[in-house]
C-alpha atoms as a PDB file:
ATOM      1  CA  MET A   1       8.992 -45.480  42.349  1.00  0.00           C
ATOM      2  CA  PRO A   2       6.831 -46.380  39.326  1.00  0.00           C
ATOM      3  CA  ALA A   3       3.945 -44.455  40.906  1.00  0.00           C
ATOM      4  CA  VAL A   4       6.168 -41.375  41.335  1.00  0.00           C
ATOM      5  CA  LYS A   5       7.341 -41.628  37.726  1.00  0.00           C
ATOM      6  CA  GLN A   6       3.742 -41.938  36.576  1.00  0.00           C
ATOM      7  CA  ASN A   7       2.792 -38.831  38.554  1.00  0.00           C
ATOM      8  CA  HIS A   8       5.652 -36.887  36.957  1.00  0.00           C
ATOM      9  CA  GLU A   9       4.479 -37.973  33.520  1.00  0.00           C
ATOM     10  CA  LYS A  10       0.950 -36.844  34.324  1.00  0.00           C
ATOM     11  CA  THR A  11       2.270 -33.510  35.575  1.00  0.00           C
ATOM     12  CA  ASP A  12       4.264 -33.014  32.365  1.00  0.00           C
ATOM     13  CA  VAL A  13       1.185 -33.763  30.264  1.00  0.00           C
ATOM     14  CA  HIS A  14      -0.918 -31.329  32.310  1.00  0.00           C
ATOM     15  CA  LEU A  15       1.737 -28.615  31.980  1.00  0.00           C
ATOM     16  CA  GLU A  16       1.880 -29.133  28.236  1.00  0.00           C
ATOM     17  CA  MET A  17      -1.923 -28.925  28.028  1.00  0.00           C
ATOM     18  CA  ASP A  18      -1.937 -25.799  30.226  1.00  0.00           C
ATOM     19  CA  HIS A  19       0.624 -24.128  27.970  1.00  0.00           C
ATOM     20  CA  GLU A  20      -1.410 -24.986  24.882  1.00  0.00           C
ATOM     21  CA  THR A  21      -4.602 -23.656  26.494  1.00  0.00           C
ATOM     22  CA  LEU A  22      -2.799 -20.452  27.488  1.00  0.00           C
ATOM     23  CA  LEU A  23      -1.450 -20.041  23.968  1.00  0.00           C
ATOM     24  CA  GLN A  24      -4.881 -20.534  22.432  1.00  0.00           C
ATOM     25  CA  THR A  25      -6.384 -17.948  24.782  1.00  0.00           C
ATOM     26  CA  LEU A  26      -3.681 -15.355  24.084  1.00  0.00           C
ATOM     27  CA  MET A  27      -3.793 -15.978  20.345  1.00  0.00           C
ATOM     28  CA  HIS A  28      -7.554 -15.505  20.250  1.00  0.00           C
ATOM     29  CA  GLU A  29      -7.213 -12.068  21.863  1.00  0.00           C
ATOM     30  CA  MET A  30      -4.468 -10.812  19.525  1.00  0.00           C
ATOM     31  CA  GLN A  31      -5.343  -8.622  16.529  1.00  0.00           C
ATOM     32  CA  ASP A  32      -2.296  -9.773  14.555  1.00  0.00           C
ATOM     33  CA  GLY A  33      -2.012 -13.168  12.922  1.00  0.00           C
ATOM     34  CA  VAL A  34      -0.365 -15.768  15.185  1.00  0.00           C
ATOM     35  CA  ILE A  35       0.896 -19.177  14.054  1.00  0.00           C
ATOM     36  CA  VAL A  36       2.610 -21.790  16.230  1.00  0.00           C
ATOM     37  CA  CYS A  37       4.845 -24.265  14.424  1.00  0.00           C
ATOM     38  CA  ALA A  38       6.684 -27.479  15.212  1.00  0.00           C
ATOM     39  CA  PRO A  39      10.478 -27.546  14.577  1.00  0.00           C
ATOM     40  CA  ASP A  40       9.870 -28.649  10.963  1.00  0.00           C
ATOM     41  CA  ALA A  41       7.570 -25.617  10.383  1.00  0.00           C
ATOM     42  CA  THR A  42       4.424 -27.764  10.537  1.00  0.00           C
ATOM     43  CA  ILE A  43       1.507 -25.642  11.778  1.00  0.00           C
ATOM     44  CA  THR A  44       0.138 -26.781  15.154  1.00  0.00           C
ATOM     45  CA  LEU A  45      -1.934 -23.744  16.212  1.00  0.00           C
ATOM     46  CA  PHE A  46      -3.199 -20.541  14.621  1.00  0.00           C
ATOM     47  CA  ASN A  47      -5.727 -17.835  15.426  1.00  0.00           C
ATOM     48  CA  GLN A  48      -8.629 -16.484  13.392  1.00  0.00           C
ATOM     49  CA  THR A  49      -6.659 -13.433  12.262  1.00  0.00           C
ATOM     50  CA  ALA A  50      -3.988 -15.671  10.732  1.00  0.00           C
ATOM     51  CA  SER A  51      -6.689 -17.618   8.933  1.00  0.00           C
ATOM     52  CA  ASP A  52      -8.159 -14.370   7.581  1.00  0.00           C
ATOM     53  CA  LEU A  53      -4.744 -13.100   6.461  1.00  0.00           C
ATOM     54  CA  PHE A  54      -4.248 -16.121   4.230  1.00  0.00           C
ATOM     55  CA  GLY A  55      -7.759 -16.324   2.809  1.00  0.00           C
ATOM     56  CA  GLY A  56      -9.684 -18.436   5.308  1.00  0.00           C
ATOM     57  CA  SER A  57      -9.733 -22.019   6.546  1.00  0.00           C
ATOM     58  CA  HIS A  58      -9.266 -23.495   3.053  1.00  0.00           C
ATOM     59  CA  SER A  59      -5.763 -21.948   2.894  1.00  0.00           C
ATOM     60  CA  ILE A  60      -4.413 -22.731   6.378  1.00  0.00           C
ATOM     61  CA  SER A  61      -4.810 -25.924   8.409  1.00  0.00           C
ATOM     62  CA  HIS A  62      -3.221 -27.927  11.192  1.00  0.00           C
ATOM     63  CA  GLY A  63      -0.411 -30.119   9.909  1.00  0.00           C
ATOM     64  CA  ALA A  64       0.249 -27.962   6.836  1.00  0.00           C
ATOM     65  CA  SER A  65       3.651 -26.345   6.292  1.00  0.00           C
ATOM     66  CA  LEU A  66       4.139 -22.688   7.161  1.00  0.00           C
ATOM     67  CA  TYR A  67       6.142 -22.436   3.939  1.00  0.00           C
ATOM     68  CA  SER A  68       3.022 -23.124   1.901  1.00  0.00           C
ATOM     69  CA  LEU A  69       1.785 -19.739   3.171  1.00  0.00           C
ATOM     70  CA  CYS A  70       4.854 -17.484   3.311  1.00  0.00           C
ATOM     71  CA  LEU A  71       8.417 -17.403   1.986  1.00  0.00           C
ATOM     72  CA  GLN A  72      10.803 -19.869   3.610  1.00  0.00           C
ATOM     73  CA  ALA A  73      14.151 -18.028   3.469  1.00  0.00           C
ATOM     74  CA  PRO A  74      13.320 -15.108   5.850  1.00  0.00           C
ATOM     75  CA  VAL A  75      11.832 -17.505   8.428  1.00  0.00           C
ATOM     76  CA  GLU A  76      14.825 -19.853   8.294  1.00  0.00           C
ATOM     77  CA  HIS A  77      17.177 -16.886   8.654  1.00  0.00           C
ATOM     78  CA  ALA A  78      15.369 -15.739  11.824  1.00  0.00           C
ATOM     79  CA  LEU A  79      15.456 -19.263  13.265  1.00  0.00           C
ATOM     80  CA  GLU A  80      19.146 -19.640  12.452  1.00  0.00           C
ATOM     81  CA  LEU A  81      19.929 -16.309  14.109  1.00  0.00           C
ATOM     82  CA  LEU A  82      17.979 -17.191  17.275  1.00  0.00           C
ATOM     83  CA  HIS A  83      19.703 -20.589  17.472  1.00  0.00           C
ATOM     84  CA  TYR A  84      23.116 -18.978  16.975  1.00  0.00           C
ATOM     85  CA  GLN A  85      22.343 -16.431  19.689  1.00  0.00           C
ATOM     86  CA  ALA A  86      21.290 -19.189  22.105  1.00  0.00           C
ATOM     87  CA  GLN A  87      24.639 -20.942  21.604  1.00  0.00           C
ATOM     88  CA  ASP A  88      26.707 -17.733  21.697  1.00  0.00           C
ATOM     89  CA  LYS A  89      29.550 -17.715  24.214  1.00  0.00           C
ATOM     90  CA  THR A  90      30.554 -14.031  23.940  1.00  0.00           C
ATOM     91  CA  GLY A  91      28.644 -13.080  27.089  1.00  0.00           C
ATOM     92  CA  ALA A  92      26.453 -10.501  25.354  1.00  0.00           C
ATOM     93  CA  LEU A  93      23.720  -9.532  27.790  1.00  0.00           C
ATOM     94  CA  ASP A  94      21.220  -7.949  25.394  1.00  0.00           C
ATOM     95  CA  LYS A  95      20.269 -11.057  23.457  1.00  0.00           C
ATOM     96  CA  ARG A  96      16.943 -10.807  21.690  1.00  0.00           C
ATOM     97  CA  SER A  97      14.051 -13.098  22.532  1.00  0.00           C
ATOM     98  CA  SER A  98      12.564 -12.480  19.101  1.00  0.00           C
ATOM     99  CA  ILE A  99      13.629 -11.457  15.585  1.00  0.00           C
ATOM    100  CA  GLN A 100      11.632  -9.017  13.471  1.00  0.00           C
ATOM    101  CA  PHE A 101      11.695  -9.155   9.681  1.00  0.00           C
ATOM    102  CA  MET A 102       9.628  -8.709   6.523  1.00  0.00           C
ATOM    103  CA  ASN A 103       8.057 -11.592   4.638  1.00  0.00           C
ATOM    104  CA  ALA A 104       5.535 -12.149   1.850  1.00  0.00           C
ATOM    105  CA  ALA A 105       2.750 -14.584   1.067  1.00  0.00           C
ATOM    106  CA  THR A 106       3.802 -17.293  -1.378  1.00  0.00           C
ATOM    107  CA  ASN A 107       1.167 -16.070  -3.828  1.00  0.00           C
ATOM    108  CA  LYS A 108       2.830 -12.591  -3.748  1.00  0.00           C
ATOM    109  CA  GLY A 109      -0.508 -11.124  -2.652  1.00  0.00           C
ATOM    110  CA  LYS A 110       0.450  -9.741   0.758  1.00  0.00           C
ATOM    111  CA  ILE A 111       3.503  -8.452   2.604  1.00  0.00           C
ATOM    112  CA  PHE A 112       3.930  -8.966   6.349  1.00  0.00           C
ATOM    113  CA  CYS A 113       5.976  -7.520   9.169  1.00  0.00           C
ATOM    114  CA  CYS A 114       6.835 -10.581  11.264  1.00  0.00           C
ATOM    115  CA  ARG A 115       8.159 -11.318  14.733  1.00  0.00           C
ATOM    116  CA  LEU A 116       9.453 -14.815  15.437  1.00  0.00           C
ATOM    117  CA  SER A 117      10.303 -16.385  18.815  1.00  0.00           C
ATOM    118  CA  LEU A 118      11.270 -19.827  20.031  1.00  0.00           C
ATOM    119  CA  LEU A 119       8.801 -21.375  22.473  1.00  0.00           C
ATOM    120  CA  PRO A 120      10.610 -21.510  25.854  1.00  0.00           C
ATOM    121  CA  PHE A 121       8.640 -24.406  27.323  1.00  0.00           C
ATOM    122  CA  GLN A 122       9.324 -26.737  24.386  1.00  0.00           C
ATOM    123  CA  THR A 123      12.235 -29.163  24.576  1.00  0.00           C
ATOM    124  CA  GLU A 124      12.685 -28.941  20.816  1.00  0.00           C
ATOM    125  CA  ASN A 125      12.817 -25.803  18.686  1.00  0.00           C
ATOM    126  CA  ALA A 126       9.125 -25.149  18.163  1.00  0.00           C
ATOM    127  CA  PHE A 127       8.431 -21.515  17.389  1.00  0.00           C
ATOM    128  CA  ILE A 128       5.713 -18.884  17.161  1.00  0.00           C
ATOM    129  CA  ILE A 129       5.424 -16.272  14.419  1.00  0.00           C
ATOM    130  CA  ILE A 130       3.291 -13.119  14.621  1.00  0.00           C
ATOM    131  CA  LEU A 131       2.305 -11.509  11.308  1.00  0.00           C
ATOM    132  CA  LYS A 132       1.043  -7.982  10.650  1.00  0.00           C
ATOM    133  CA  ASP A 133      -0.284  -7.096   7.193  1.00  0.00           C
ATOM    134  CA  VAL A 134       1.680  -4.079   5.860  1.00  0.00           C
ATOM    135  CA  SER A 135       0.797  -4.539   2.183  1.00  0.00           C
ATOM    136  CA  ASN A 136      -0.653  -1.024   1.939  1.00  0.00           C
ATOM    137  CA  TRP A 137       2.842   0.458   2.271  1.00  0.00           C
ATOM    138  CA  TYR A 138       3.764  -1.281  -0.967  1.00  0.00           C
ATOM    139  CA  ARG A 139       0.679  -0.228  -2.965  1.00  0.00           C
ATOM    140  CA  PRO A 140       1.120   2.345  -5.783  1.00  0.00           C
ATOM    141  CA  ASP A 141      -1.418   4.608  -4.049  1.00  0.00           C
ATOM    142  CA  ASN A 142       0.316   4.639  -0.658  1.00  0.00           C
ATOM    143  CA  ILE A 143       1.093   7.941   0.965  1.00  0.00           C
ATOM    144  CA  LEU A 144       4.772   8.052  -0.025  1.00  0.00           C
ATOM    145  CA  SER A 145       4.003   7.325  -3.680  1.00  0.00           C
ATOM    146  CA  MET A 146       1.446  10.120  -3.718  1.00  0.00           C
ATOM    147  CA  LYS A 147       3.869  12.512  -2.035  1.00  0.00           C
ATOM    148  CA  THR A 148       6.547  11.623  -4.604  1.00  0.00           C
ATOM    149  CA  ASP A 149       4.131  12.211  -7.490  1.00  0.00           C
ATOM    150  CA  ALA A 150       3.673  15.781  -6.241  1.00  0.00           C
ATOM    151  CA  PHE A 151       7.214  16.487  -7.506  1.00  0.00           C
ATOM    152  CA  ARG A 152       6.478  15.570 -11.128  1.00  0.00           C
ATOM    153  CA  ALA A 153       4.542  18.634 -12.309  1.00  0.00           C
ATOM    154  CA  PRO A 154       6.880  21.273 -10.773  1.00  0.00           C
ATOM    155  CA  LEU A 155       9.960  19.472 -12.114  1.00  0.00           C
ATOM    156  CA  THR A 156       8.448  19.198 -15.600  1.00  0.00           C
ATOM    157  CA  ASN A 157       7.496  22.890 -15.629  1.00  0.00           C
ATOM    158  CA  LEU A 158      10.913  23.919 -14.322  1.00  0.00           C
ATOM    159  CA  ARG A 159      12.670  21.865 -17.002  1.00  0.00           C
ATOM    160  CA  ALA A 160      10.458  23.346 -19.742  1.00  0.00           C
ATOM    161  CA  ALA A 161      11.032  26.921 -18.559  1.00  0.00           C
ATOM    162  CA  LEU A 162      14.785  26.391 -18.307  1.00  0.00           C
ATOM    163  CA  GLU A 163      14.970  24.855 -21.787  1.00  0.00           C
ATOM    164  CA  ASN A 164      13.078  27.794 -23.285  1.00  0.00           C
ATOM    165  CA  LEU A 165      15.348  30.311 -21.557  1.00  0.00           C
ATOM    166  CA  THR A 166      18.550  28.591 -22.691  1.00  0.00           C
ATOM    167  CA  GLU A 167      17.468  27.660 -26.231  1.00  0.00           C
ATOM    168  CA  HIS A 168      15.885  31.020 -27.081  1.00  0.00           C
ATOM    169  CA  PRO A 169      18.193  33.781 -25.820  1.00  0.00           C
ATOM    170  CA  GLU A 170      16.623  36.207 -28.299  1.00  0.00           C
ATOM    171  CA  MET A 171      13.140  36.084 -26.700  1.00  0.00           C
ATOM    172  CA  SER A 172      11.533  39.329 -25.627  1.00  0.00           C
ATOM    173  CA  PRO A 173      11.958  40.688 -22.091  1.00  0.00           C
ATOM    174  CA  VAL A 174       8.255  40.115 -21.436  1.00  0.00           C
ATOM    175  CA  MET A 175       8.484  36.393 -22.384  1.00  0.00           C
ATOM    176  CA  ARG A 176      11.717  35.975 -20.425  1.00  0.00           C
ATOM    177  CA  SER A 177      10.100  37.518 -17.353  1.00  0.00           C
ATOM    178  CA  ALA A 178       7.145  35.127 -17.691  1.00  0.00           C
ATOM    179  CA  PHE A 179       9.397  32.045 -17.822  1.00  0.00           C
ATOM    180  CA  GLU A 180      11.459  33.341 -14.890  1.00  0.00           C
ATOM    181  CA  ASN A 181       8.227  33.760 -12.908  1.00  0.00           C
ATOM    182  CA  VAL A 182       7.312  30.137 -13.715  1.00  0.00           C
ATOM    183  CA  MET A 183      10.665  29.026 -12.311  1.00  0.00           C
ATOM    184  CA  VAL A 184      10.093  30.995  -9.106  1.00  0.00           C
ATOM    185  CA  GLN A 185       6.577  29.615  -8.605  1.00  0.00           C
ATOM    186  CA  GLU A 186       7.525  26.019  -9.365  1.00  0.00           C
ATOM    187  CA  SER A 187      10.528  26.269  -7.012  1.00  0.00           C
ATOM    188  CA  LEU A 188       8.100  27.209  -4.247  1.00  0.00           C
ATOM    189  CA  HIS A 189       5.871  24.262  -5.165  1.00  0.00           C
ATOM    190  CA  LEU A 190       8.912  21.967  -4.982  1.00  0.00           C
ATOM    191  CA  SER A 191       9.774  23.257  -1.516  1.00  0.00           C
ATOM    192  CA  GLU A 192       6.214  22.598  -0.334  1.00  0.00           C
ATOM    193  CA  ALA A 193       6.255  19.098  -1.851  1.00  0.00           C
ATOM    194  CA  PHE A 194       9.574  18.356  -0.180  1.00  0.00           C
ATOM    195  CA  ASP A 195       8.328  19.493   3.238  1.00  0.00           C
ATOM    196  CA  SER A 196       5.264  17.276   2.866  1.00  0.00           C
ATOM    197  CA  LEU A 197       7.389  14.299   1.801  1.00  0.00           C
ATOM    198  CA  ASP A 198       9.780  14.898   4.689  1.00  0.00           C
ATOM    199  CA  GLN A 199       6.906  14.700   7.198  1.00  0.00           C
ATOM    200  CA  ALA A 200       5.605  11.483   5.606  1.00  0.00           C
ATOM    201  CA  CYS A 201       9.093   9.936   5.702  1.00  0.00           C
ATOM    202  CA  LYS A 202       9.530  10.811   9.375  1.00  0.00           C
ATOM    203  CA  LEU A 203       6.204   9.159  10.132  1.00  0.00           C
ATOM    204  CA  LEU A 204       7.291   6.053   8.225  1.00  0.00           C
ATOM    205  CA  MET A 205      10.664   5.939   9.973  1.00  0.00           C
ATOM    206  CA  GLN A 206       8.905   6.043  13.338  1.00  0.00           C
ATOM    207  CA  THR A 207       6.979   2.881  12.432  1.00  0.00           C
ATOM    208  CA  GLN A 208      10.026   0.794  11.472  1.00  0.00           C
ATOM    209  CA  ASN A 209       9.093  -2.055  13.776  1.00  0.00           C
ATOM    210  CA  HIS A 210      10.560  -4.632  11.386  1.00  0.00           C
ATOM    211  CA  LEU A 211      14.034  -3.699  12.636  1.00  0.00           C
ATOM    212  CA  THR A 212      15.607  -5.449  15.620  1.00  0.00           C
ATOM    213  CA  GLU A 213      18.037  -3.965  18.133  1.00  0.00           C
ATOM    214  CA  MET A 214      21.003  -6.315  18.165  1.00  0.00           C
ATOM    215  CA  ASN A 215      24.311  -6.495  20.000  1.00  0.00           C
ATOM    216  CA  SER A 216      27.215  -6.073  17.568  1.00  0.00           C
ATOM    217  CA  ALA A 217      28.993  -9.154  18.963  1.00  0.00           C
ATOM    218  CA  ILE A 218      25.967 -11.308  18.112  1.00  0.00           C
ATOM    219  CA  LEU A 219      25.608  -9.725  14.667  1.00  0.00           C
ATOM    220  CA  PHE A 220      29.317  -9.976  13.781  1.00  0.00           C
ATOM    221  CA  GLY A 221      29.535 -13.540  15.066  1.00  0.00           C
ATOM    222  CA  PHE A 222      26.526 -14.595  13.019  1.00  0.00           C
ATOM    223  CA  LEU A 223      27.945 -12.951   9.882  1.00  0.00           C
ATOM    224  CA  ALA A 224      31.332 -14.617  10.462  1.00  0.00           C
ATOM    225  CA  LYS A 225      29.554 -17.977  10.553  1.00  0.00           C
ATOM    226  CA  HIS A 226      27.620 -17.092   7.382  1.00  0.00           C
ATOM    227  CA  PHE A 227      30.783 -16.214   5.409  1.00  0.00           C
ATOM    228  CA  GLN A 228      32.820 -19.080   6.891  1.00  0.00           C
ATOM    229  CA  ASN A 229      32.826 -21.275   3.771  1.00  0.00           C
ATOM    230  CA  SER A 230      32.650 -18.498   1.177  1.00  0.00           C
ATOM    231  CA  THR A 231      35.213 -16.493  -0.804  1.00  0.00           C
ATOM    232  CA  VAL A 232      34.745 -13.582   1.627  1.00  0.00           C
ATOM    233  CA  ASN A 233      37.357 -13.439   4.395  1.00  0.00           C
ATOM    234  CA  PHE A 234      35.302 -11.893   7.221  1.00  0.00           C
ATOM    235  CA  THR A 235      37.009 -10.335  10.259  1.00  0.00           C
ATOM    236  CA  ALA A 236      34.907  -8.961  13.128  1.00  0.00           C
ATOM    237  CA  ALA A 237      35.801  -6.207  15.580  1.00  0.00           C
ATOM    238  CA  THR A 238      36.257  -7.617  19.099  1.00  0.00           C
ATOM    239  CA  ASN A 239      37.683  -4.709  21.116  1.00  0.00           C
ATOM    240  CA  LYS A 240      34.287  -3.191  21.966  1.00  0.00           C
ATOM    241  CA  THR A 241      30.579  -3.754  21.396  1.00  0.00           C
ATOM    242  CA  ALA A 242      27.546  -1.603  20.631  1.00  0.00           C
ATOM    243  CA  THR A 243      23.890  -1.955  19.746  1.00  0.00           C
ATOM    244  CA  VAL A 244      22.626  -1.489  16.206  1.00  0.00           C
ATOM    245  CA  LYS A 245      19.067  -1.543  14.850  1.00  0.00           C
ATOM    246  CA  VAL A 246      18.911  -3.734  11.741  1.00  0.00           C
ATOM    247  CA  GLY A 247      16.816  -5.954   9.559  1.00  0.00           C
ATOM    248  CA  SER A 248      19.314  -8.814   9.726  1.00  0.00           C
ATOM    249  CA  TYR A 249      17.931 -10.813   6.776  1.00  0.00           C
ATOM    250  CA  ARG A 250      17.927  -7.791   4.468  1.00  0.00           C
ATOM    251  CA  LEU A 251      21.378  -6.749   5.675  1.00  0.00           C
ATOM    252  CA  LEU A 252      22.654 -10.235   4.864  1.00  0.00           C
ATOM    253  CA  LEU A 253      21.197  -9.973   1.341  1.00  0.00           C
ATOM    254  CA  VAL A 254      22.901  -6.602   0.839  1.00  0.00           C
ATOM    255  CA  LEU A 255      26.290  -7.836   2.085  1.00  0.00           C
ATOM    256  CA  ASP A 256      26.076 -10.939  -0.118  1.00  0.00           C
ATOM    257  CA  TYR A 257      25.168  -8.822  -3.136  1.00  0.00           C
ATOM    258  CA  LEU A 258      27.924  -6.253  -2.542  1.00  0.00           C
ATOM    259  CA  ALA A 259      30.569  -8.958  -2.139  1.00  0.00           C
ATOM    260  CA  SER A 260      29.421 -10.753  -5.285  1.00  0.00           C
ATOM    261  CA  ARG A 261      29.276  -7.533  -7.328  1.00  0.00           C
ATOM    262  CA  ILE A 262      32.726  -6.357  -6.229  1.00  0.00           C
ATOM    263  CA  GLN A 263      34.250  -9.731  -7.076  1.00  0.00           C
ATOM    264  CA  HIS A 264      32.539  -9.671 -10.465  1.00  0.00           C
ATOM    265  CA  GLU A 265      33.562  -6.075 -11.264  1.00  0.00           C
ATOM    266  CA  ARG A 266      37.208  -6.571 -10.285  1.00  0.00           C
ATOM    267  CA  MET A 267      37.485 -10.309 -11.088  1.00  0.00           C
ATOM    268  CA  LEU A 268      38.616 -11.176  -7.565  1.00  0.00           C
ATOM    269  CA  PRO A 269      38.949 -14.784  -6.368  1.00  0.00           C
ATOM    270  CA  GLU A 270      38.808 -13.586  -2.746  1.00  0.00           C
ATOM    271  CA  LEU A 271      37.581 -10.516  -0.902  1.00  0.00           C
ATOM    272  CA  PHE A 272      38.207  -9.203   2.607  1.00  0.00           C
ATOM    273  CA  CYS A 273      35.449  -7.789   4.809  1.00  0.00           C
ATOM    274  CA  LYS A 274      36.474  -6.135   8.073  1.00  0.00           C
ATOM    275  CA  THR A 275      34.151  -4.580  10.648  1.00  0.00           C
ATOM    276  CA  HIS A 276      34.849  -1.902  13.205  1.00  0.00           C
ATOM    277  CA  ILE A 277      32.844   0.309  15.542  1.00  0.00           C
ATOM    278  CA  GLY A 278      33.112   4.097  15.482  1.00  0.00           C
ATOM    279  CA  GLU A 279      31.594   6.731  17.735  1.00  0.00           C
ATOM    280  CA  LYS A 280      28.282   6.863  15.850  1.00  0.00           C
ATOM    281  CA  PHE A 281      28.385   4.053  13.284  1.00  0.00           C
ATOM    282  CA  ILE A 282      29.441   0.477  12.744  1.00  0.00           C
ATOM    283  CA  TYR A 283      31.326  -0.122   9.505  1.00  0.00           C
ATOM    284  CA  PHE A 284      31.610  -3.030   7.091  1.00  0.00           C
ATOM    285  CA  ASP A 285      34.682  -2.513   4.900  1.00  0.00           C
ATOM    286  CA  PHE A 286      35.083  -4.625   1.761  1.00  0.00           C
ATOM    287  CA  ILE A 287      38.800  -4.414   0.919  1.00  0.00           C
ATOM    288  CA  TRP A 288      40.692  -5.554  -2.170  1.00  0.00           C
ATOM    289  CA  SER A 289      43.892  -4.807  -4.046  1.00  0.00           C
ATOM    290  CA  GLY A 290      43.201  -2.919  -7.246  1.00  0.00           C
ATOM    291  CA  GLU A 291      41.153  -0.098  -8.728  1.00  0.00           C
ATOM    292  CA  PHE A 292      38.355   1.334  -6.603  1.00  0.00           C
ATOM    293  CA  LEU A 293      34.716   1.374  -7.724  1.00  0.00           C
ATOM    294  CA  SER A 294      33.636   4.555  -9.492  1.00  0.00           C
ATOM    295  CA  THR A 295      30.666   6.640  -8.332  1.00  0.00           C
ATOM    296  CA  ALA A 296      28.692   5.435 -11.349  1.00  0.00           C
ATOM    297  CA  ILE A 297      29.223   1.774 -10.415  1.00  0.00           C
ATOM    298  CA  VAL A 298      28.278   2.390  -6.767  1.00  0.00           C
ATOM    299  CA  GLU A 299      25.110   4.243  -7.820  1.00  0.00           C
ATOM    300  CA  ALA A 300      24.191   1.361 -10.134  1.00  0.00           C
ATOM    301  CA  MET A 301      24.702  -1.074  -7.245  1.00  0.00           C
ATOM    302  CA  LEU A 302      22.394   1.002  -5.047  1.00  0.00           C
ATOM    303  CA  GLU A 303      19.631   0.851  -7.661  1.00  0.00           C
ATOM    304  CA  GLU A 304      19.865  -2.935  -8.012  1.00  0.00           C
ATOM    305  CA  LYS A 305      16.682  -4.766  -6.973  1.00  0.00           C
ATOM    306  CA  LEU A 306      17.309  -7.729  -4.703  1.00  0.00           C
ATOM    307  CA  LEU A 307      14.771 -10.299  -5.862  1.00  0.00           C
ATOM    308  CA  SER A 308      15.120 -12.348  -2.662  1.00  0.00           C
ATOM    309  CA  SER A 309      14.075  -9.395  -0.505  1.00  0.00           C
ATOM    310  CA  THR A 310      10.457  -9.053   0.511  1.00  0.00           C
ATOM    311  CA  GLY A 311       8.961  -6.558  -1.911  1.00  0.00           C
ATOM    312  CA  GLU A 312      11.982  -6.825  -4.264  1.00  0.00           C
ATOM    313  CA  LEU A 313      13.553  -3.729  -2.727  1.00  0.00           C
ATOM    314  CA  THR A 314      16.640  -1.944  -4.041  1.00  0.00           C
ATOM    315  CA  VAL A 315      19.926  -1.920  -2.136  1.00  0.00           C
ATOM    316  CA  ALA A 316      19.440   1.808  -1.529  1.00  0.00           C
ATOM    317  CA  SER A 317      15.948   1.416  -0.035  1.00  0.00           C
ATOM    318  CA  ILE A 318      17.120  -1.368   2.289  1.00  0.00           C
ATOM    319  CA  LEU A 319      20.050   0.722   3.513  1.00  0.00           C
ATOM    320  CA  HIS A 320      17.880   3.822   3.935  1.00  0.00           C
ATOM    321  CA  SER A 321      15.379   1.846   6.034  1.00  0.00           C
ATOM    322  CA  MET A 322      18.242   1.183   8.483  1.00  0.00           C
ATOM    323  CA  GLY A 323      19.729   4.682   8.172  1.00  0.00           C
ATOM    324  CA  GLY A 324      22.760   3.261   6.347  1.00  0.00           C
ATOM    325  CA  ASP A 325      24.937   4.369   3.457  1.00  0.00           C
ATOM    326  CA  ILE A 326      27.821   3.118   1.292  1.00  0.00           C
ATOM    327  CA  TRP A 327      30.717   4.806  -0.483  1.00  0.00           C
ATOM    328  CA  SER A 328      33.925   3.847  -2.289  1.00  0.00           C
ATOM    329  CA  GLN A 329      37.463   4.856  -1.304  1.00  0.00           C
ATOM    330  CA  GLN A 330      40.929   4.583  -2.859  1.00  0.00           C
ATOM    331  CA  HIS A 331      43.899   4.134  -0.487  1.00  0.00           C
ATOM    332  CA  GLU A 332      47.665   4.085  -0.801  1.00  0.00           C
ATOM    333  CA  HIS A 333      49.443   1.026  -2.207  1.00  0.00           C
ATOM    334  CA  SER A 334      46.563   0.361  -4.668  1.00  0.00           C
ATOM    335  CA  SER A 335      44.189  -0.753  -1.915  1.00  0.00           C
ATOM    336  CA  SER A 336      40.476  -0.016  -2.348  1.00  0.00           C
ATOM    337  CA  THR A 337      37.497  -0.095   0.016  1.00  0.00           C
ATOM    338  CA  LEU A 338      33.732  -0.132  -0.312  1.00  0.00           C
ATOM    339  CA  ARG A 339      32.392   0.956   3.073  1.00  0.00           C
ATOM    340  CA  LEU A 340      28.896   0.273   4.414  1.00  0.00           C
ATOM    341  CA  ALA A 341      27.953   2.304   7.506  1.00  0.00           C
ATOM    342  CA  LEU A 342      25.022   1.702   9.877  1.00  0.00           C
ATOM    343  CA  PRO A 343      24.135   4.054  12.764  1.00  0.00           C
ATOM    344  CA  LEU A 344      24.438   2.866  16.360  1.00  0.00           C
ATOM    345  CA  ALA A 345      21.174   2.511  18.254  1.00  0.00           C
ATOM    346  CA  VAL A 346      22.822   3.382  21.602  1.00  0.00           C
ATOM    347  CA  GLY A 347      26.296   4.206  22.827  1.00  0.00           C
ATOM    348  CA  ILE A 348      29.416   2.072  22.699  1.00  0.00           C
ATOM    349  CA  GLU A 349      30.070  -0.514  25.400  1.00  0.00           C
ATOM    350  CA  LYS A 350      33.710  -1.056  26.302  1.00  0.00           C
END
């Protein structure tokens, strides 16, 4: 028996070595940065691309913490979501083997699109994270910024022409005709700029690989756990399920912010959040008793920068990246709702 046990131990060691060799080989061939971490986020393996992403061998080393390189909160969120999914008892079949999200270097120098997975052959929760440098999308000279700048001159000229026409009604017909011609020409320039921006946005939307398709039961269950000990009374829809494409960490930041802002604006000790699934969207309804939020307040909320988000994005830009929207509603009996809607990725499952 001892000899058999010893053979098993040798086999286990060989398997572990084989897995490590396989990982090293695969990582070497990958163009993206790859880092393997122990359960405590200690780095155990990394490829040359990962080393290059963080400035060379003096910045990354075996035994160092992943969190010395990139922000901790997005990584911990992805791990928590994968662990929750593994323990889920709802019977959802389309569980994700990985979570995609955005993260940033701790020195704020680079922004990454990340994909994180648990290592299946590890008894503990070791994990692997793949990083792709997407910093160029956040540079002032990126394609969307340049396309947006194309609107400035036509808008300025239109505003100037309109002001002259309205403030000087006594101007001669010749001058009036000249300003009207400016308005026509600049309107055409605006249309061209919009068409160009629309094409650039469609291209960007097609490359949204930081979003993850997720079963609504998994998403709602995870959010219910998140709000469990908060002042938000979260109720999830259970009568049907669907698939939605989300950046779960950013969505969580938005929901936390909206709840906090509503409670601050209306001085509420408690807030209700109910979810339901429609034909084309899933909805998150924040409900309270009292005056609804005006359009001005909602617009201000949309323009708020969330400092914990990678890139310090606004609420509006996060929602737009997922195809989402929010609006405020007043109901009978002094009940008010702020609704957040996200489009379904595929049809509803009964």
